[in-house]
Protein backbone atom coordinates (compact mmCIF):
# COMPACT_ATOMS: atom_id res chain seq x y z
CA MET A 1 60.26 49.61 45.48
CA ALA A 2 61.31 46.09 46.39
CA SER A 3 60.73 44.60 49.82
CA LYS A 4 63.67 44.08 52.14
CA LYS A 5 64.75 40.56 53.04
CA GLU A 6 64.78 41.66 56.71
CA TYR A 7 61.04 42.41 56.58
CA LEU A 8 60.38 38.99 55.03
CA GLU A 9 62.38 37.37 57.85
CA PHE A 10 60.40 39.36 60.44
CA VAL A 11 57.06 38.20 58.99
CA LEU A 12 58.26 34.60 58.71
CA GLU A 13 59.39 34.69 62.35
CA GLN A 14 55.90 35.81 63.40
CA LEU A 15 54.46 32.88 61.39
CA SER A 16 57.07 30.36 62.59
CA ASP A 17 54.64 28.56 64.93
CA ILE A 18 52.49 27.63 61.93
CA GLU A 19 53.51 24.62 59.86
CA ASP A 20 53.43 24.62 56.05
CA VAL A 21 54.17 28.33 55.57
CA ALA A 22 56.43 28.99 52.60
CA TYR A 23 57.45 31.88 50.40
CA ARG A 24 58.70 32.49 46.89
CA PRO A 25 60.52 35.60 45.68
CA MET A 26 58.75 37.28 42.78
CA MET A 27 60.05 40.43 41.06
CA GLY A 28 61.52 41.97 44.22
CA GLU A 29 58.55 41.01 46.37
CA TYR A 30 57.57 37.78 48.17
CA ILE A 31 54.51 35.56 47.72
CA ILE A 32 53.41 33.83 50.95
CA TYR A 33 51.90 30.33 50.83
CA TYR A 34 50.07 28.30 53.44
CA ARG A 35 49.61 24.61 52.69
CA GLY A 36 50.49 25.30 49.08
CA LYS A 37 47.87 28.03 48.63
CA VAL A 38 48.68 31.69 48.03
CA ILE A 39 47.40 33.64 51.03
CA GLY A 40 49.07 36.93 50.23
CA GLY A 41 52.48 38.44 50.06
CA ILE A 42 54.96 41.06 51.07
CA TYR A 43 54.79 44.11 48.85
CA ASP A 44 56.81 47.27 49.53
CA ASP A 45 57.48 45.99 53.06
CA ARG A 46 53.76 45.50 53.79
CA PHE A 47 52.19 42.14 54.63
CA LEU A 48 49.01 41.94 52.54
CA VAL A 49 46.53 39.04 52.47
CA LYS A 50 43.79 38.14 50.04
CA GLN A 51 40.24 39.15 50.79
CA THR A 52 38.17 36.19 51.92
CA LYS A 53 35.14 35.99 54.18
CA SER A 54 37.26 35.08 57.19
CA SER A 55 40.11 37.53 56.51
CA LYS A 56 37.62 40.39 56.18
CA SER A 57 35.99 39.30 59.45
CA LEU A 58 39.24 38.88 61.40
CA LEU A 59 40.79 42.05 59.97
CA SER A 60 37.60 44.11 59.88
CA ASP A 61 39.43 47.41 60.49
CA ALA A 62 42.29 46.68 58.08
CA PRO A 63 42.74 49.09 55.20
CA LEU A 64 42.54 47.83 51.63
CA GLU A 65 45.73 48.42 49.66
CA LEU A 66 47.02 47.63 46.21
CA PRO A 67 50.06 45.36 46.17
CA TYR A 68 51.03 46.76 42.74
CA ASP A 69 49.38 48.60 39.86
CA GLY A 70 46.62 46.60 38.21
CA ALA A 71 46.21 44.12 41.09
CA LYS A 72 43.16 43.46 43.25
CA GLU A 73 43.03 45.21 46.59
CA MET A 74 44.29 43.22 49.55
CA LEU A 75 44.00 43.60 53.32
CA LEU A 76 46.95 45.15 55.14
CA VAL A 77 47.95 43.08 58.19
CA GLU A 78 48.93 45.67 60.78
CA ASN A 79 49.18 43.51 63.91
CA ILE A 80 51.69 40.94 62.69
CA GLU A 81 53.04 40.42 66.23
CA ASP A 82 49.73 38.83 67.32
CA ARG A 83 50.72 35.23 66.62
CA GLU A 84 47.35 33.79 67.66
CA LEU A 85 45.58 36.09 65.22
CA MET A 86 48.05 35.10 62.48
CA ARG A 87 47.38 31.40 63.11
CA GLU A 88 43.61 31.91 63.10
CA LEU A 89 43.86 34.04 59.95
CA LEU A 90 45.89 31.53 57.93
CA VAL A 91 43.94 28.48 59.07
CA SER A 92 40.56 30.07 58.36
CA MET A 93 41.63 31.47 54.98
CA GLU A 94 43.08 28.18 53.74
CA SER A 95 39.72 26.46 53.30
CA GLU A 96 38.33 29.48 51.40
CA LEU A 97 41.12 29.69 48.85
CA PRO A 98 41.26 27.69 45.62
CA ALA A 99 43.64 24.77 45.27
CA PRO A 100 46.82 25.52 43.35
CA LYS A 101 46.54 25.01 39.61
CA LYS A 102 48.28 21.94 38.22
CA LYS A 103 51.28 22.79 36.05
CA LYS A 104 51.20 21.44 32.51
CA LYS A 105 54.05 19.12 31.64
C-alpha cells in the first residue's frame, strides 16, 4: 500500500520549523532527509525513523515496525504533533547517522 501525499504534507508541516528537511518519493513511499542524511521515511502512512541511540532514548515507548518486507525495524513516531520533540529528534539523530555516500560519476 502506497502512502498518501496528504500524509506526507502533514508530516512535512509538523517539521516545517526545522531547516534542511527534504524528501524523495521512492516506490510509492517517501524517504525523509535531514541535512542530507536519511533519518527515516513515510511507509504505509506511518512516519518511521531509524534506530539510533538518541531516537531510542527520545522515543523509548515507540513500537518497532517494519517499513517493508526485508527491511530493518524502525521506530514509529506516534506524537508527530509535538514539534519540539521532532526538532530534538532530528537534531540529535543527525550526528549519529553516516554521511551520504558519494555517487560515482
